[in-house]
PDB file of all heavy atoms in Angstrom:
ATOM      1  N   ASP A   1      14.043 -31.153 -15.420  1.00  0.00           N
ATOM      2  CA  ASP A   1      13.219 -32.108 -16.158  1.00  0.00           C
ATOM      3  C   ASP A   1      13.341 -33.462 -15.641  1.00  0.00           C
ATOM      4  O   ASP A   1      12.399 -34.269 -15.584  1.00  0.00           O
ATOM      5  CB  ASP A   1      13.734 -32.087 -17.619  1.00  0.00           C
ATOM      6  CG  ASP A   1      13.391 -30.790 -18.320  1.00  0.00           C
ATOM      7  OD1 ASP A   1      12.417 -30.096 -17.866  1.00  0.00           O
ATOM      8  OD2 ASP A   1      14.052 -30.457 -19.297  1.00  0.00           O
ATOM      9  N   ALA A   2      14.550 -33.865 -15.127  1.00  0.00           N
ATOM     10  CA  ALA A   2      14.852 -35.153 -14.637  1.00  0.00           C
ATOM     11  C   ALA A   2      14.128 -35.405 -13.297  1.00  0.00           C
ATOM     12  O   ALA A   2      13.830 -36.560 -12.928  1.00  0.00           O
ATOM     13  CB  ALA A   2      16.315 -35.350 -14.385  1.00  0.00           C
ATOM     14  N   HIS A   3      13.757 -34.377 -12.625  1.00  0.00           N
ATOM     15  CA  HIS A   3      13.135 -34.488 -11.329  1.00  0.00           C
ATOM     16  C   HIS A   3      11.754 -33.810 -11.332  1.00  0.00           C
ATOM     17  O   HIS A   3      11.194 -33.415 -10.346  1.00  0.00           O
ATOM     18  CB  HIS A   3      13.958 -33.805 -10.237  1.00  0.00           C
ATOM     19  CG  HIS A   3      15.272 -34.500 -10.007  1.00  0.00           C
ATOM     20  ND1 HIS A   3      16.406 -34.206 -10.801  1.00  0.00           N
ATOM     21  CD2 HIS A   3      15.676 -35.447  -9.117  1.00  0.00           C
ATOM     22  CE1 HIS A   3      17.388 -34.952 -10.391  1.00  0.00           C
ATOM     23  NE2 HIS A   3      16.994 -35.682  -9.425  1.00  0.00           N
ATOM     24  N   LYS A   4      11.112 -33.772 -12.458  1.00  0.00           N
ATOM     25  CA  LYS A   4       9.797 -33.084 -12.548  1.00  0.00           C
ATOM     26  C   LYS A   4       8.698 -33.819 -11.782  1.00  0.00           C
ATOM     27  O   LYS A   4       7.688 -33.209 -11.530  1.00  0.00           O
ATOM     28  CB  LYS A   4       9.358 -32.946 -14.001  1.00  0.00           C
ATOM     29  CG  LYS A   4       9.201 -34.254 -14.790  1.00  0.00           C
ATOM     30  CD  LYS A   4       8.915 -33.949 -16.262  1.00  0.00           C
ATOM     31  CE  LYS A   4       8.779 -35.274 -17.016  1.00  0.00           C
ATOM     32  NZ  LYS A   4       8.488 -34.988 -18.445  1.00  0.00           N
ATOM     33  N   ASP A   5       8.959 -35.105 -11.466  1.00  0.00           N
ATOM     34  CA  ASP A   5       7.929 -35.855 -10.772  1.00  0.00           C
ATOM     35  C   ASP A   5       8.136 -35.836  -9.219  1.00  0.00           C
ATOM     36  O   ASP A   5       7.414 -36.366  -8.474  1.00  0.00           O
ATOM     37  CB  ASP A   5       7.900 -37.298 -11.160  1.00  0.00           C
ATOM     38  CG  ASP A   5       7.435 -37.432 -12.639  1.00  0.00           C
ATOM     39  OD1 ASP A   5       6.588 -36.601 -13.031  1.00  0.00           O
ATOM     40  OD2 ASP A   5       7.930 -38.393 -13.306  1.00  0.00           O
ATOM     41  N   ASP A   6       9.253 -35.089  -8.867  1.00  0.00           N
ATOM     42  CA  ASP A   6       9.551 -35.017  -7.408  1.00  0.00           C
ATOM     43  C   ASP A   6       8.452 -34.262  -6.636  1.00  0.00           C
ATOM     44  O   ASP A   6       7.863 -33.327  -7.208  1.00  0.00           O
ATOM     45  CB  ASP A   6      10.916 -34.246  -7.281  1.00  0.00           C
ATOM     46  CG  ASP A   6      11.346 -34.204  -5.792  1.00  0.00           C
ATOM     47  OD1 ASP A   6      11.950 -35.187  -5.336  1.00  0.00           O
ATOM     48  OD2 ASP A   6      11.076 -33.218  -5.096  1.00  0.00           O
ATOM     49  N   ALA A   7       8.203 -34.637  -5.472  1.00  0.00           N
ATOM     50  CA  ALA A   7       7.098 -34.037  -4.689  1.00  0.00           C
ATOM     51  C   ALA A   7       7.283 -32.512  -4.481  1.00  0.00           C
ATOM     52  O   ALA A   7       6.355 -31.766  -4.582  1.00  0.00           O
ATOM     53  CB  ALA A   7       6.981 -34.754  -3.313  1.00  0.00           C
ATOM     54  N   SER A   8       8.567 -32.111  -4.200  1.00  0.00           N
ATOM     55  CA  SER A   8       8.743 -30.668  -3.977  1.00  0.00           C
ATOM     56  C   SER A   8       8.516 -29.909  -5.206  1.00  0.00           C
ATOM     57  O   SER A   8       7.983 -28.789  -5.159  1.00  0.00           O
ATOM     58  CB  SER A   8      10.209 -30.455  -3.485  1.00  0.00           C
ATOM     59  OG  SER A   8      11.125 -30.862  -4.483  1.00  0.00           O
ATOM     60  N   ILE A   9       8.868 -30.453  -6.378  1.00  0.00           N
ATOM     61  CA  ILE A   9       8.582 -29.728  -7.610  1.00  0.00           C
ATOM     62  C   ILE A   9       7.136 -29.604  -7.865  1.00  0.00           C
ATOM     63  O   ILE A   9       6.632 -28.597  -8.296  1.00  0.00           O
ATOM     64  CB  ILE A   9       9.322 -30.423  -8.836  1.00  0.00           C
ATOM     65  CG1 ILE A   9      10.849 -30.464  -8.562  1.00  0.00           C
ATOM     66  CG2 ILE A   9       9.039 -29.683 -10.143  1.00  0.00           C
ATOM     67  CD1 ILE A   9      11.489 -29.150  -8.477  1.00  0.00           C
ATOM     68  N   GLY A  10       6.452 -30.636  -7.567  1.00  0.00           N
ATOM     69  CA  GLY A  10       5.040 -30.725  -7.753  1.00  0.00           C
ATOM     70  C   GLY A  10       4.311 -29.686  -6.882  1.00  0.00           C
ATOM     71  O   GLY A  10       3.362 -29.043  -7.289  1.00  0.00           O
ATOM     72  N   THR A  11       4.869 -29.487  -5.688  1.00  0.00           N
ATOM     73  CA  THR A  11       4.297 -28.436  -4.764  1.00  0.00           C
ATOM     74  C   THR A  11       4.409 -27.076  -5.348  1.00  0.00           C
ATOM     75  O   THR A  11       3.481 -26.276  -5.273  1.00  0.00           O
ATOM     76  CB  THR A  11       4.909 -28.569  -3.440  1.00  0.00           C
ATOM     77  OG1 THR A  11       4.800 -29.852  -2.878  1.00  0.00           O
ATOM     78  CG2 THR A  11       4.342 -27.525  -2.452  1.00  0.00           C
ATOM     79  N   VAL A  12       5.583 -26.822  -5.939  1.00  0.00           N
ATOM     80  CA  VAL A  12       5.816 -25.464  -6.467  1.00  0.00           C
ATOM     81  C   VAL A  12       4.849 -25.246  -7.588  1.00  0.00           C
ATOM     82  O   VAL A  12       4.263 -24.174  -7.764  1.00  0.00           O
ATOM     83  CB  VAL A  12       7.303 -25.339  -7.003  1.00  0.00           C
ATOM     84  CG1 VAL A  12       7.455 -24.065  -7.778  1.00  0.00           C
ATOM     85  CG2 VAL A  12       8.231 -25.401  -5.780  1.00  0.00           C
ATOM     86  N   ASP A  13       4.697 -26.270  -8.514  1.00  0.00           N
ATOM     87  CA  ASP A  13       3.789 -26.123  -9.594  1.00  0.00           C
ATOM     88  C   ASP A  13       2.347 -25.922  -9.139  1.00  0.00           C
ATOM     89  O   ASP A  13       1.645 -25.126  -9.700  1.00  0.00           O
ATOM     90  CB  ASP A  13       3.853 -27.382 -10.556  1.00  0.00           C
ATOM     91  CG  ASP A  13       5.166 -27.449 -11.232  1.00  0.00           C
ATOM     92  OD1 ASP A  13       5.823 -26.398 -11.317  1.00  0.00           O
ATOM     93  OD2 ASP A  13       5.591 -28.582 -11.685  1.00  0.00           O
ATOM     94  N   ALA A  14       2.003 -26.619  -8.146  1.00  0.00           N
ATOM     95  CA  ALA A  14       0.625 -26.481  -7.611  1.00  0.00           C
ATOM     96  C   ALA A  14       0.374 -25.109  -7.093  1.00  0.00           C
ATOM     97  O   ALA A  14      -0.674 -24.513  -7.298  1.00  0.00           O
ATOM     98  CB  ALA A  14       0.391 -27.586  -6.501  1.00  0.00           C
ATOM     99  N   ASP A  15       1.397 -24.565  -6.374  1.00  0.00           N
ATOM    100  CA  ASP A  15       1.276 -23.283  -5.875  1.00  0.00           C
ATOM    101  C   ASP A  15       1.107 -22.166  -6.955  1.00  0.00           C
ATOM    102  O   ASP A  15       0.329 -21.293  -6.910  1.00  0.00           O
ATOM    103  CB  ASP A  15       2.461 -22.886  -5.019  1.00  0.00           C
ATOM    104  CG  ASP A  15       2.505 -23.680  -3.677  1.00  0.00           C
ATOM    105  OD1 ASP A  15       1.458 -24.140  -3.355  1.00  0.00           O
ATOM    106  OD2 ASP A  15       3.583 -23.666  -3.076  1.00  0.00           O
ATOM    107  N   SER A  16       1.884 -22.355  -8.047  1.00  0.00           N
ATOM    108  CA  SER A  16       1.845 -21.431  -9.152  1.00  0.00           C
ATOM    109  C   SER A  16       0.436 -21.460  -9.763  1.00  0.00           C
ATOM    110  O   SER A  16      -0.130 -20.440 -10.122  1.00  0.00           O
ATOM    111  CB  SER A  16       2.896 -21.812 -10.201  1.00  0.00           C
ATOM    112  OG  SER A  16       4.163 -21.690  -9.660  1.00  0.00           O
ATOM    113  N   LYS A  17      -0.105 -22.670  -9.895  1.00  0.00           N
ATOM    114  CA  LYS A  17      -1.402 -22.860 -10.493  1.00  0.00           C
ATOM    115  C   LYS A  17      -2.458 -22.239  -9.662  1.00  0.00           C
ATOM    116  O   LYS A  17      -3.440 -21.653 -10.102  1.00  0.00           O
ATOM    117  CB  LYS A  17      -1.736 -24.310 -10.779  1.00  0.00           C
ATOM    118  CG  LYS A  17      -0.841 -24.908 -11.872  1.00  0.00           C
ATOM    119  CD  LYS A  17      -1.164 -26.410 -12.035  1.00  0.00           C
ATOM    120  CE  LYS A  17      -0.230 -26.975 -13.139  1.00  0.00           C
ATOM    121  NZ  LYS A  17      -0.499 -28.473 -13.290  1.00  0.00           N
ATOM    122  N   ALA A  18      -2.290 -22.319  -8.358  1.00  0.00           N
ATOM    123  CA  ALA A  18      -3.266 -21.801  -7.462  1.00  0.00           C
ATOM    124  C   ALA A  18      -3.293 -20.336  -7.499  1.00  0.00           C
ATOM    125  O   ALA A  18      -4.376 -19.684  -7.448  1.00  0.00           O
ATOM    126  CB  ALA A  18      -2.910 -22.275  -5.963  1.00  0.00           C
ATOM    127  N   VAL A  19      -2.134 -19.680  -7.652  1.00  0.00           N
ATOM    128  CA  VAL A  19      -2.083 -18.275  -7.792  1.00  0.00           C
ATOM    129  C   VAL A  19      -2.807 -17.761  -9.015  1.00  0.00           C
ATOM    130  O   VAL A  19      -3.590 -16.858  -9.005  1.00  0.00           O
ATOM    131  CB  VAL A  19      -0.602 -17.768  -7.806  1.00  0.00           C
ATOM    132  CG1 VAL A  19      -0.540 -16.284  -8.140  1.00  0.00           C
ATOM    133  CG2 VAL A  19       0.053 -18.029  -6.452  1.00  0.00           C
ATOM    134  N   SER A  20      -2.558 -18.490 -10.131  1.00  0.00           N
ATOM    135  CA  SER A  20      -3.169 -18.151 -11.373  1.00  0.00           C
ATOM    136  C   SER A  20      -4.718 -18.350 -11.286  1.00  0.00           C
ATOM    137  O   SER A  20      -5.470 -17.501 -11.815  1.00  0.00           O
ATOM    138  CB  SER A  20      -2.640 -19.037 -12.536  1.00  0.00           C
ATOM    139  OG  SER A  20      -1.213 -18.816 -12.695  1.00  0.00           O
ATOM    140  N   ALA A  21      -5.106 -19.454 -10.655  1.00  0.00           N
ATOM    141  CA  ALA A  21      -6.491 -19.638 -10.550  1.00  0.00           C
ATOM    142  C   ALA A  21      -7.269 -18.585  -9.694  1.00  0.00           C
ATOM    143  O   ALA A  21      -8.412 -18.323  -9.860  1.00  0.00           O
ATOM    144  CB  ALA A  21      -6.776 -21.042  -9.925  1.00  0.00           C
ATOM    145  N   ALA A  22      -6.464 -17.950  -8.790  1.00  0.00           N
ATOM    146  CA  ALA A  22      -7.082 -16.966  -7.904  1.00  0.00           C
ATOM    147  C   ALA A  22      -7.091 -15.577  -8.515  1.00  0.00           C
ATOM    148  O   ALA A  22      -7.455 -14.618  -7.974  1.00  0.00           O
ATOM    149  CB  ALA A  22      -6.239 -16.976  -6.603  1.00  0.00           C
ATOM    150  N   GLY A  23      -6.711 -15.506  -9.822  1.00  0.00           N
ATOM    151  CA  GLY A  23      -6.720 -14.274 -10.520  1.00  0.00           C
ATOM    152  C   GLY A  23      -5.405 -13.540 -10.537  1.00  0.00           C
ATOM    153  O   GLY A  23      -5.288 -12.475 -10.993  1.00  0.00           O
ATOM    154  N   GLY A  24      -4.371 -14.168  -9.988  1.00  0.00           N
ATOM    155  CA  GLY A  24      -3.068 -13.557  -9.958  1.00  0.00           C
ATOM    156  C   GLY A  24      -2.227 -13.972 -11.128  1.00  0.00           C
ATOM    157  O   GLY A  24      -2.775 -14.474 -12.144  1.00  0.00           O
TER     158      GLY A  24
END
């Protein structure tokens, strides 16, 4: 939570959303 704005965390979240958006 303390590092939720960190770039690496953001990348992981983005990847997860991309998978969901692709139907996964």
